[in-house]
C-alpha atoms as a PDB file:
ATOM      1  CA  MET A   1      29.188  -5.637 -23.950  1.00  0.00           C
ATOM      2  CA  LEU A   2      27.942  -3.746 -20.938  1.00  0.00           C
ATOM      3  CA  ALA A   3      29.544  -4.008 -17.503  1.00  0.00           C
ATOM      4  CA  ILE A   4      27.124  -4.815 -14.710  1.00  0.00           C
ATOM      5  CA  GLY A   5      27.216  -1.213 -13.478  1.00  0.00           C
ATOM      6  CA  GLU A   6      26.289   0.147 -16.901  1.00  0.00           C
ATOM      7  CA  PHE A   7      23.580  -2.480 -17.290  1.00  0.00           C
ATOM      8  CA  SER A   8      22.270  -1.518 -13.853  1.00  0.00           C
ATOM      9  CA  ARG A   9      21.909   2.136 -14.869  1.00  0.00           C
ATOM     10  CA  LEU A  10      20.177   1.251 -18.152  1.00  0.00           C
ATOM     11  CA  THR A  11      17.645  -1.090 -16.515  1.00  0.00           C
ATOM     12  CA  HIS A  12      17.212   0.761 -13.182  1.00  0.00           C
ATOM     13  CA  LEU A  13      17.995  -2.513 -11.430  1.00  0.00           C
ATOM     14  CA  SER A  14      20.573  -2.576  -8.661  1.00  0.00           C
ATOM     15  CA  VAL A  15      23.754  -4.574  -9.025  1.00  0.00           C
ATOM     16  CA  ARG A  16      22.622  -6.671  -6.070  1.00  0.00           C
ATOM     17  CA  THR A  17      19.318  -7.460  -7.847  1.00  0.00           C
ATOM     18  CA  LEU A  18      21.122  -8.410 -11.063  1.00  0.00           C
ATOM     19  CA  ARG A  19      23.410 -10.734  -9.124  1.00  0.00           C
ATOM     20  CA  ARG A  20      20.347 -12.271  -7.445  1.00  0.00           C
ATOM     21  CA  TYR A  21      18.670 -12.811 -10.838  1.00  0.00           C
ATOM     22  CA  HIS A  22      21.862 -14.498 -12.020  1.00  0.00           C
ATOM     23  CA  GLU A  23      22.070 -16.792  -8.987  1.00  0.00           C
ATOM     24  CA  ALA A  24      18.386 -17.717  -9.388  1.00  0.00           C
ATOM     25  CA  GLY A  25      18.940 -18.645 -13.037  1.00  0.00           C
ATOM     26  CA  LEU A  26      16.599 -15.912 -14.300  1.00  0.00           C
ATOM     27  CA  LEU A  27      19.078 -13.696 -16.147  1.00  0.00           C
ATOM     28  CA  GLN A  28      22.440 -15.126 -17.077  1.00  0.00           C
ATOM     29  CA  PRO A  29      25.087 -12.554 -18.053  1.00  0.00           C
ATOM     30  CA  ALA A  30      26.164 -12.753 -21.681  1.00  0.00           C
ATOM     31  CA  THR A  31      29.666 -13.503 -20.412  1.00  0.00           C
ATOM     32  CA  VAL A  32      31.564 -13.741 -17.143  1.00  0.00           C
ATOM     33  CA  ASP A  33      35.275 -12.963 -16.977  1.00  0.00           C
ATOM     34  CA  ASP A  34      36.997 -16.114 -15.664  1.00  0.00           C
ATOM     35  CA  ALA A  35      39.837 -14.153 -14.096  1.00  0.00           C
ATOM     36  CA  THR A  36      37.877 -11.380 -12.357  1.00  0.00           C
ATOM     37  CA  GLY A  37      34.376 -12.801 -12.130  1.00  0.00           C
ATOM     38  CA  TYR A  38      32.984  -9.605 -13.647  1.00  0.00           C
ATOM     39  CA  ARG A  39      29.625  -9.958 -15.307  1.00  0.00           C
ATOM     40  CA  TYR A  40      28.897  -8.474 -18.735  1.00  0.00           C
ATOM     41  CA  TYR A  41      25.526  -8.119 -20.456  1.00  0.00           C
ATOM     42  CA  SER A  42      24.371  -7.480 -23.990  1.00  0.00           C
ATOM     43  CA  ALA A  43      22.017  -4.670 -24.982  1.00  0.00           C
ATOM     44  CA  ASP A  44      19.332  -7.137 -26.081  1.00  0.00           C
ATOM     45  CA  GLN A  45      19.099  -8.376 -22.460  1.00  0.00           C
ATOM     46  CA  ILE A  46      17.738  -5.013 -21.295  1.00  0.00           C
ATOM     47  CA  PRO A  47      14.056  -5.783 -22.093  1.00  0.00           C
ATOM     48  CA  VAL A  48      14.438  -9.270 -20.582  1.00  0.00           C
ATOM     49  CA  ALA A  49      15.689  -7.763 -17.328  1.00  0.00           C
ATOM     50  CA  GLN A  50      12.803  -5.314 -17.293  1.00  0.00           C
ATOM     51  CA  ILE A  51      10.263  -8.105 -17.899  1.00  0.00           C
ATOM     52  CA  ILE A  52      11.695 -10.055 -14.973  1.00  0.00           C
ATOM     53  CA  HIS A  53      11.514  -6.960 -12.802  1.00  0.00           C
ATOM     54  CA  ARG A  54       7.840  -6.377 -13.674  1.00  0.00           C
ATOM     55  CA  LEU A  55       6.950 -10.008 -13.003  1.00  0.00           C
ATOM     56  CA  ARG A  56       8.693  -9.958  -9.653  1.00  0.00           C
ATOM     57  CA  GLU A  57       6.878  -6.720  -8.757  1.00  0.00           C
ATOM     58  CA  LEU A  58       3.685  -8.730  -9.276  1.00  0.00           C
ATOM     59  CA  ASP A  59       5.064 -11.453  -6.948  1.00  0.00           C
ATOM     60  CA  VAL A  60       5.124 -14.033  -9.744  1.00  0.00           C
ATOM     61  CA  PRO A  61       6.911 -17.075  -8.243  1.00  0.00           C
ATOM     62  CA  LEU A  62      10.414 -17.733  -9.553  1.00  0.00           C
ATOM     63  CA  PRO A  63       9.491 -21.056 -11.235  1.00  0.00           C
ATOM     64  CA  ASP A  64       6.691 -19.276 -13.130  1.00  0.00           C
ATOM     65  CA  VAL A  65       9.040 -16.467 -14.149  1.00  0.00           C
ATOM     66  CA  GLN A  66      11.413 -19.074 -15.552  1.00  0.00           C
ATOM     67  CA  ARG A  67       8.595 -20.809 -17.456  1.00  0.00           C
ATOM     68  CA  ILE A  68       7.405 -17.483 -18.893  1.00  0.00           C
ATOM     69  CA  LEU A  69      10.889 -16.551 -20.068  1.00  0.00           C
ATOM     70  CA  ARG A  70      11.651 -19.978 -21.525  1.00  0.00           C
ATOM     71  CA  SER A  71       8.358 -20.501 -23.322  1.00  0.00           C
ATOM     72  CA  PRO A  72       8.513 -19.679 -27.056  1.00  0.00           C
ATOM     73  CA  ASP A  73       4.718 -19.619 -27.288  1.00  0.00           C
ATOM     74  CA  PRO A  74       3.093 -16.202 -26.608  1.00  0.00           C
ATOM     75  CA  GLY A  75      -0.186 -17.916 -25.730  1.00  0.00           C
ATOM     76  CA  THR A  76       1.463 -20.001 -23.016  1.00  0.00           C
ATOM     77  CA  ARG A  77       3.223 -16.947 -21.609  1.00  0.00           C
ATOM     78  CA  GLY A  78      -0.048 -15.016 -21.606  1.00  0.00           C
ATOM     79  CA  THR A  79      -1.872 -17.838 -19.824  1.00  0.00           C
ATOM     80  CA  LEU A  80       0.765 -18.038 -17.087  1.00  0.00           C
ATOM     81  CA  VAL A  81       0.588 -14.291 -16.496  1.00  0.00           C
ATOM     82  CA  ALA A  82      -3.240 -14.260 -16.578  1.00  0.00           C
ATOM     83  CA  ASN A  83      -3.423 -17.120 -14.053  1.00  0.00           C
ATOM     84  CA  HIS A  84      -1.175 -15.239 -11.669  1.00  0.00           C
ATOM     85  CA  LEU A  85      -3.157 -12.019 -12.097  1.00  0.00           C
ATOM     86  CA  ARG A  86      -6.333 -13.904 -11.175  1.00  0.00           C
ATOM     87  CA  ARG A  87      -4.596 -15.135  -8.019  1.00  0.00           C
ATOM     88  CA  LEU A  88      -3.565 -11.578  -7.206  1.00  0.00           C
ATOM     89  CA  GLU A  89      -7.129 -10.328  -7.721  1.00  0.00           C
ATOM     90  CA  SER A  90      -8.438 -13.066  -5.436  1.00  0.00           C
ATOM     91  CA  GLU A  91      -5.882 -12.139  -2.759  1.00  0.00           C
ATOM     92  CA  LEU A  92      -6.794  -8.468  -3.178  1.00  0.00           C
ATOM     93  CA  ASP A  93     -10.472  -9.321  -2.659  1.00  0.00           C
ATOM     94  CA  ARG A  94      -9.588 -11.197   0.531  1.00  0.00           C
ATOM     95  CA  THR A  95      -7.472  -8.271   1.716  1.00  0.00           C
ATOM     96  CA  ARG A  96     -10.292  -5.803   1.085  1.00  0.00           C
ATOM     97  CA  ALA A  97     -12.739  -8.055   2.910  1.00  0.00           C
ATOM     98  CA  ALA A  98     -10.384  -8.354   5.889  1.00  0.00           C
ATOM     99  CA  VAL A  99      -9.966  -4.564   6.005  1.00  0.00           C
ATOM    100  CA  ALA A 100     -13.735  -4.058   5.894  1.00  0.00           C
ATOM    101  CA  SER A 101     -14.187  -6.574   8.722  1.00  0.00           C
ATOM    102  CA  LEU A 102     -11.526  -4.865  10.846  1.00  0.00           C
ATOM    103  CA  ARG A 103     -13.142  -1.472  10.334  1.00  0.00           C
ATOM    104  CA  ARG A 104     -16.459  -2.937  11.401  1.00  0.00           C
ATOM    105  CA  LEU A 105     -14.910  -4.529  14.494  1.00  0.00           C
ATOM    106  CA  LEU A 106     -12.953  -1.422  15.470  1.00  0.00           C
ATOM    107  CA  GLN A 107     -15.622   1.194  14.857  1.00  0.00           C
ATOM    108  CA  PRO A 108     -16.060   3.364  17.988  1.00  0.00           C
ATOM    109  CA  GLU A 109     -19.862   3.381  17.906  1.00  0.00           C
ATOM    110  CA  PRO A 110     -21.169  -0.032  16.751  1.00  0.00           C
ATOM    111  CA  THR A 111     -24.631  -0.226  15.243  1.00  0.00           C
ATOM    112  CA  PRO A 112     -27.081  -1.908  17.659  1.00  0.00           C
ATOM    113  CA  LEU A 113     -27.787  -5.505  16.691  1.00  0.00           C
ATOM    114  CA  ASP A 114     -31.424  -6.226  15.920  1.00  0.00           C
ATOM    115  CA  VAL A 115     -32.366  -9.684  17.218  1.00  0.00           C
ATOM    116  CA  GLU A 116     -35.727 -11.389  16.842  1.00  0.00           C
ATOM    117  CA  LEU A 117     -36.749 -14.425  18.868  1.00  0.00           C
ATOM    118  CA  ARG A 118     -38.700 -16.579  16.434  1.00  0.00           C
ATOM    119  CA  ALA A 119     -40.581 -19.884  16.741  1.00  0.00           C
ATOM    120  CA  VAL A 120     -40.153 -21.884  13.525  1.00  0.00           C
ATOM    121  CA  PRO A 121     -42.562 -24.801  12.904  1.00  0.00           C
ATOM    122  CA  ALA A 122     -41.505 -28.163  11.512  1.00  0.00           C
ATOM    123  CA  THR A 123     -41.122 -27.939   7.745  1.00  0.00           C
ATOM    124  CA  THR A 124     -40.605 -30.558   5.020  1.00  0.00           C
ATOM    125  CA  VAL A 125     -38.149 -29.390   2.371  1.00  0.00           C
ATOM    126  CA  ALA A 126     -36.136 -30.631  -0.599  1.00  0.00           C
ATOM    127  CA  ALA A 127     -32.569 -30.973   0.659  1.00  0.00           C
ATOM    128  CA  ILE A 128     -29.027 -32.014  -0.131  1.00  0.00           C
ATOM    129  CA  GLU A 129     -26.740 -32.884   2.766  1.00  0.00           C
ATOM    130  CA  ASP A 130     -23.240 -34.186   3.370  1.00  0.00           C
ATOM    131  CA  ASP A 131     -20.238 -34.026   5.681  1.00  0.00           C
ATOM    132  CA  VAL A 132     -18.033 -31.230   4.366  1.00  0.00           C
ATOM    133  CA  ASP A 133     -14.682 -29.601   5.179  1.00  0.00           C
ATOM    134  CA  HIS A 134     -15.131 -26.025   6.382  1.00  0.00           C
ATOM    135  CA  ASP A 135     -12.823 -24.645   3.661  1.00  0.00           C
ATOM    136  CA  TYR A 136     -14.929 -26.372   0.997  1.00  0.00           C
ATOM    137  CA  VAL A 137     -18.353 -25.246   2.251  1.00  0.00           C
ATOM    138  CA  VAL A 138     -18.767 -22.343  -0.203  1.00  0.00           C
ATOM    139  CA  ALA A 139     -17.989 -24.487  -3.256  1.00  0.00           C
ATOM    140  CA  TRP A 140     -20.121 -27.367  -1.967  1.00  0.00           C
ATOM    141  CA  TYR A 141     -23.016 -24.987  -1.267  1.00  0.00           C
ATOM    142  CA  ALA A 142     -22.852 -23.521  -4.782  1.00  0.00           C
ATOM    143  CA  GLY A 143     -23.030 -26.968  -6.371  1.00  0.00           C
ATOM    144  CA  ALA A 144     -25.793 -28.220  -4.101  1.00  0.00           C
ATOM    145  CA  MET A 145     -27.963 -25.127  -4.536  1.00  0.00           C
ATOM    146  CA  ALA A 146     -27.491 -25.225  -8.326  1.00  0.00           C
ATOM    147  CA  GLU A 147     -28.688 -28.857  -8.293  1.00  0.00           C
ATOM    148  CA  LEU A 148     -31.750 -27.919  -6.237  1.00  0.00           C
ATOM    149  CA  ASP A 149     -32.555 -24.997  -8.543  1.00  0.00           C
ATOM    150  CA  ALA A 150     -32.227 -27.153 -11.655  1.00  0.00           C
ATOM    151  CA  LEU A 151     -34.544 -29.819 -10.281  1.00  0.00           C
ATOM    152  CA  LEU A 152     -37.168 -27.632  -8.617  1.00  0.00           C
ATOM    153  CA  GLY A 153     -37.430 -24.760 -11.098  1.00  0.00           C
ATOM    154  CA  GLU A 154     -39.090 -21.589  -9.820  1.00  0.00           C
ATOM    155  CA  PRO A 155     -38.536 -20.924  -6.089  1.00  0.00           C
ATOM    156  CA  THR A 156     -41.488 -21.519  -3.771  1.00  0.00           C
ATOM    157  CA  GLY A 157     -39.864 -20.141  -0.629  1.00  0.00           C
ATOM    158  CA  VAL A 158     -36.651 -18.833   0.910  1.00  0.00           C
ATOM    159  CA  PRO A 159     -33.734 -21.300   0.616  1.00  0.00           C
ATOM    160  CA  GLY A 160     -31.621 -22.062   3.627  1.00  0.00           C
ATOM    161  CA  GLY A 161     -28.951 -24.160   5.237  1.00  0.00           C
ATOM    162  CA  LEU A 162     -28.176 -25.949   8.506  1.00  0.00           C
ATOM    163  CA  TYR A 163     -24.607 -26.035   9.810  1.00  0.00           C
ATOM    164  CA  ASP A 164     -23.607 -28.392  12.620  1.00  0.00           C
ATOM    165  CA  ASN A 165     -21.527 -27.002  15.463  1.00  0.00           C
ATOM    166  CA  VAL A 166     -18.681 -29.454  14.802  1.00  0.00           C
ATOM    167  CA  LEU A 167     -18.191 -27.882  11.368  1.00  0.00           C
ATOM    168  CA  PHE A 168     -16.870 -24.770  13.138  1.00  0.00           C
ATOM    169  CA  GLU A 169     -15.252 -26.585  16.055  1.00  0.00           C
ATOM    170  CA  ASN A 170     -13.349 -29.244  14.095  1.00  0.00           C
ATOM    171  CA  GLY A 171     -13.264 -27.852  10.541  1.00  0.00           C
ATOM    172  CA  HIS A 172     -15.398 -30.738   9.237  1.00  0.00           C
ATOM    173  CA  GLY A 173     -19.068 -31.384   9.837  1.00  0.00           C
ATOM    174  CA  HIS A 174     -22.567 -31.912   8.528  1.00  0.00           C
ATOM    175  CA  VAL A 175     -24.100 -29.349   6.181  1.00  0.00           C
ATOM    176  CA  LEU A 176     -27.634 -29.368   4.765  1.00  0.00           C
ATOM    177  CA  VAL A 177     -28.986 -26.910   2.193  1.00  0.00           C
ATOM    178  CA  TYR A 178     -32.615 -26.849   1.204  1.00  0.00           C
ATOM    179  CA  ARG A 179     -35.450 -25.223  -0.683  1.00  0.00           C
ATOM    180  CA  PRO A 180     -39.038 -25.273   0.518  1.00  0.00           C
ATOM    181  CA  THR A 181     -41.402 -26.942  -1.961  1.00  0.00           C
ATOM    182  CA  LEU A 182     -44.864 -28.478  -1.777  1.00  0.00           C
ATOM    183  CA  GLU A 183     -43.802 -31.967  -2.909  1.00  0.00           C
ATOM    184  CA  PRO A 184     -40.078 -32.537  -2.305  1.00  0.00           C
ATOM    185  CA  PRO A 185     -38.735 -35.069  -4.853  1.00  0.00           C
ATOM    186  CA  HIS A 186     -36.282 -37.898  -4.298  1.00  0.00           C
ATOM    187  CA  ARG A 187     -33.843 -37.684  -7.210  1.00  0.00           C
ATOM    188  CA  GLY A 188     -30.046 -37.802  -7.276  1.00  0.00           C
ATOM    189  CA  ARG A 189     -28.733 -36.133  -4.134  1.00  0.00           C
ATOM    190  CA  VAL A 190     -32.041 -34.345  -3.562  1.00  0.00           C
ATOM    191  CA  HIS A 191     -34.408 -35.896  -1.031  1.00  0.00           C
ATOM    192  CA  PRO A 192     -37.205 -34.831   1.347  1.00  0.00           C
ATOM    193  CA  VAL A 193     -36.194 -33.811   4.856  1.00  0.00           C
ATOM    194  CA  THR A 194     -38.443 -32.669   7.684  1.00  0.00           C
ATOM    195  CA  LEU A 195     -36.700 -29.908   9.604  1.00  0.00           C
ATOM    196  CA  PRO A 196     -37.765 -30.075  13.269  1.00  0.00           C
ATOM    197  CA  ALA A 197     -39.545 -27.206  14.969  1.00  0.00           C
ATOM    198  CA  VAL A 198     -37.086 -24.876  16.641  1.00  0.00           C
ATOM    199  CA  GLU A 199     -36.873 -21.587  18.505  1.00  0.00           C
ATOM    200  CA  LEU A 200     -34.260 -19.238  17.030  1.00  0.00           C
ATOM    201  CA  ALA A 201     -32.540 -16.020  17.953  1.00  0.00           C
ATOM    202  CA  VAL A 202     -32.397 -14.405  14.500  1.00  0.00           C
ATOM    203  CA  THR A 203     -30.418 -11.485  13.125  1.00  0.00           C
ATOM    204  CA  THR A 204     -29.738 -10.386   9.550  1.00  0.00           C
ATOM    205  CA  HIS A 205     -26.312 -10.144   7.947  1.00  0.00           C
ATOM    206  CA  ALA A 206     -26.142  -7.538   5.168  1.00  0.00           C
ATOM    207  CA  GLY A 207     -23.887  -7.903   2.134  1.00  0.00           C
ATOM    208  CA  GLU A 208     -21.333 -10.516   1.157  1.00  0.00           C
ATOM    209  CA  HIS A 209     -20.308 -13.358   3.460  1.00  0.00           C
ATOM    210  CA  ASP A 210     -16.670 -12.265   3.789  1.00  0.00           C
ATOM    211  CA  ASP A 211     -17.351 -10.894   7.284  1.00  0.00           C
ATOM    212  CA  ILE A 212     -20.341 -13.024   8.240  1.00  0.00           C
ATOM    213  CA  ASP A 213     -18.251 -14.414  11.101  1.00  0.00           C
ATOM    214  CA  VAL A 214     -18.482 -10.965  12.716  1.00  0.00           C
ATOM    215  CA  THR A 215     -22.277 -11.157  12.667  1.00  0.00           C
ATOM    216  CA  TYR A 216     -22.077 -14.706  14.055  1.00  0.00           C
ATOM    217  CA  GLY A 217     -19.941 -13.381  16.915  1.00  0.00           C
ATOM    218  CA  GLU A 218     -22.343 -10.547  17.665  1.00  0.00           C
ATOM    219  CA  LEU A 219     -25.348 -12.869  17.684  1.00  0.00           C
ATOM    220  CA  GLY A 220     -23.513 -15.400  19.840  1.00  0.00           C
ATOM    221  CA  THR A 221     -22.687 -12.641  22.320  1.00  0.00           C
ATOM    222  CA  TRP A 222     -26.350 -11.659  22.434  1.00  0.00           C
ATOM    223  CA  VAL A 223     -27.310 -15.274  23.150  1.00  0.00           C
ATOM    224  CA  VAL A 224     -24.739 -15.535  25.956  1.00  0.00           C
ATOM    225  CA  ASP A 225     -25.749 -12.208  27.467  1.00  0.00           C
ATOM    226  CA  ASN A 226     -29.403 -13.239  27.513  1.00  0.00           C
ATOM    227  CA  ALA A 227     -28.742 -16.656  29.115  1.00  0.00           C
ATOM    228  CA  LEU A 228     -30.432 -18.504  26.254  1.00  0.00           C
ATOM    229  CA  ALA A 229     -29.409 -22.145  26.094  1.00  0.00           C
ATOM    230  CA  VAL A 230     -28.075 -23.202  22.682  1.00  0.00           C
ATOM    231  CA  ALA A 231     -29.168 -26.450  21.065  1.00  0.00           C
ATOM    232  CA  GLY A 232     -28.718 -27.820  17.559  1.00  0.00           C
ATOM    233  CA  PRO A 233     -27.188 -26.566  14.306  1.00  0.00           C
ATOM    234  CA  VAL A 234     -27.173 -22.935  13.266  1.00  0.00           C
ATOM    235  CA  ARG A 235     -29.661 -22.111  10.497  1.00  0.00           C
ATOM    236  CA  GLU A 236     -29.188 -19.620   7.670  1.00  0.00           C
ATOM    237  CA  HIS A 237     -31.959 -18.262   5.439  1.00  0.00           C
ATOM    238  CA  TYR A 238     -30.866 -16.677   2.166  1.00  0.00           C
ATOM    239  CA  VAL A 239     -33.532 -13.978   1.894  1.00  0.00           C
ATOM    240  CA  VAL A 240     -31.684 -12.119  -0.873  1.00  0.00           C
ATOM    241  CA  GLY A 241     -28.576 -13.506  -2.517  1.00  0.00           C
ATOM    242  CA  PRO A 242     -26.612 -13.857  -5.769  1.00  0.00           C
ATOM    243  CA  ARG A 243     -29.474 -15.844  -7.296  1.00  0.00           C
ATOM    244  CA  ASP A 244     -31.724 -12.789  -6.765  1.00  0.00           C
ATOM    245  CA  THR A 245     -29.436  -9.861  -7.602  1.00  0.00           C
ATOM    246  CA  PRO A 246     -25.796  -9.378  -8.654  1.00  0.00           C
ATOM    247  CA  ASP A 247     -25.475  -6.433  -6.250  1.00  0.00           C
ATOM    248  CA  PRO A 248     -23.713  -7.693  -3.086  1.00  0.00           C
ATOM    249  CA  ALA A 249     -24.862  -4.665  -1.118  1.00  0.00           C
ATOM    250  CA  ALA A 250     -28.459  -5.910  -1.466  1.00  0.00           C
ATOM    251  CA  TRP A 251     -27.777  -9.437  -0.163  1.00  0.00           C
ATOM    252  CA  ARG A 252     -29.457 -10.380   3.112  1.00  0.00           C
ATOM    253  CA  THR A 253     -28.793 -13.554   5.109  1.00  0.00           C
ATOM    254  CA  GLU A 254     -30.718 -14.402   8.255  1.00  0.00           C
ATOM    255  CA  ILE A 255     -28.682 -16.243  10.881  1.00  0.00           C
ATOM    256  CA  GLY A 256     -30.767 -18.291  13.300  1.00  0.00           C
ATOM    257  CA  TRP A 257     -29.156 -19.436  16.555  1.00  0.00           C
ATOM    258  CA  PRO A 258     -31.180 -22.273  18.165  1.00  0.00           C
ATOM    259  CA  VAL A 259     -32.332 -21.529  21.701  1.00  0.00           C
ATOM    260  CA  PHE A 260     -34.576 -23.170  24.283  1.00  0.00           C
ATOM    261  CA  ARG A 261     -36.229 -20.119  25.804  1.00  0.00           C
ATOM    262  CA  VAL A 262     -38.144 -17.408  23.947  1.00  0.00           C
ATOM    263  CA  THR A 263     -38.627 -13.922  25.437  1.00  0.00           C
ATOM    264  CA  ARG A 264     -39.791 -10.613  23.999  1.00  0.00           C
ATOM    265  CA  ARG A 265     -37.956  -9.042  21.073  1.00  0.00           C
ATOM    266  CA  ARG A 266     -35.234  -6.620  22.092  1.00  0.00           C
ATOM    267  CA  ARG A 267     -32.293  -4.748  20.631  1.00  0.00           C
ATOM    268  CA  TYR A 268     -28.739  -5.449  21.662  1.00  0.00           C
ATOM    269  CA  ASP A 269     -26.243  -2.586  21.815  1.00  0.00           C
ATOM    270  CA  LYS A 270     -22.761  -3.997  21.028  1.00  0.00           C
ATOM    271  CA  SER A 271     -21.112  -1.038  22.712  1.00  0.00           C
ATOM    272  CA  LEU A 272     -22.313  -2.135  26.150  1.00  0.00           C
END
């Protein structure tokens, strides 16, 4: 038997950590002296302690650590670890996106925003629409656009979406995605919709949508600075996206902010 101090040296885990593992039910000592309360471990517990340490370094929740240790099936253990690693990768992606957004916001010399004032005529499209929670918009969009693609086949124009103001204000609102087509069908969720004519202040967001809110903010500032009255839902046009190329750097999304008044095209310097 190994005293807790010896076990600590062999596993490179502090005595405090070993006591915490014991209290959490992760690593029970082989025996505990009833008179002194001293903990003693066996040599075959060394790899178990090291496994626990590695899992905790990966922030695996304690209940999952317990399930991994107690499961006799290697496949089950592997699945639990793989699921957690996918969560870590997703969190890492979000962290990287947040860092990229902060760098863009904090850069000392912002790139001037290119804004076009565009008159868009009324257009009849094939659309899917619904009231959606803001956190679910990306998943809902993917399903709706896949349904449009499956029904309509080869694209006949740039797909797009309309997003009501209340979606951003209240976290739940009306969303419509569409594809232009000569004869919009009425099948399943897909139905013809005539988008009304509108005047838009348009800018282009480059890359993934992780920091598209920054571009929204820049365009909104341009609209405010130019005293252009806002009316109606924001429009997005997916000029280049995942359906066109797997390279996120090549993606281009036009954001159209509805306005009442149209003036000449100008550039907006965010540093002003």
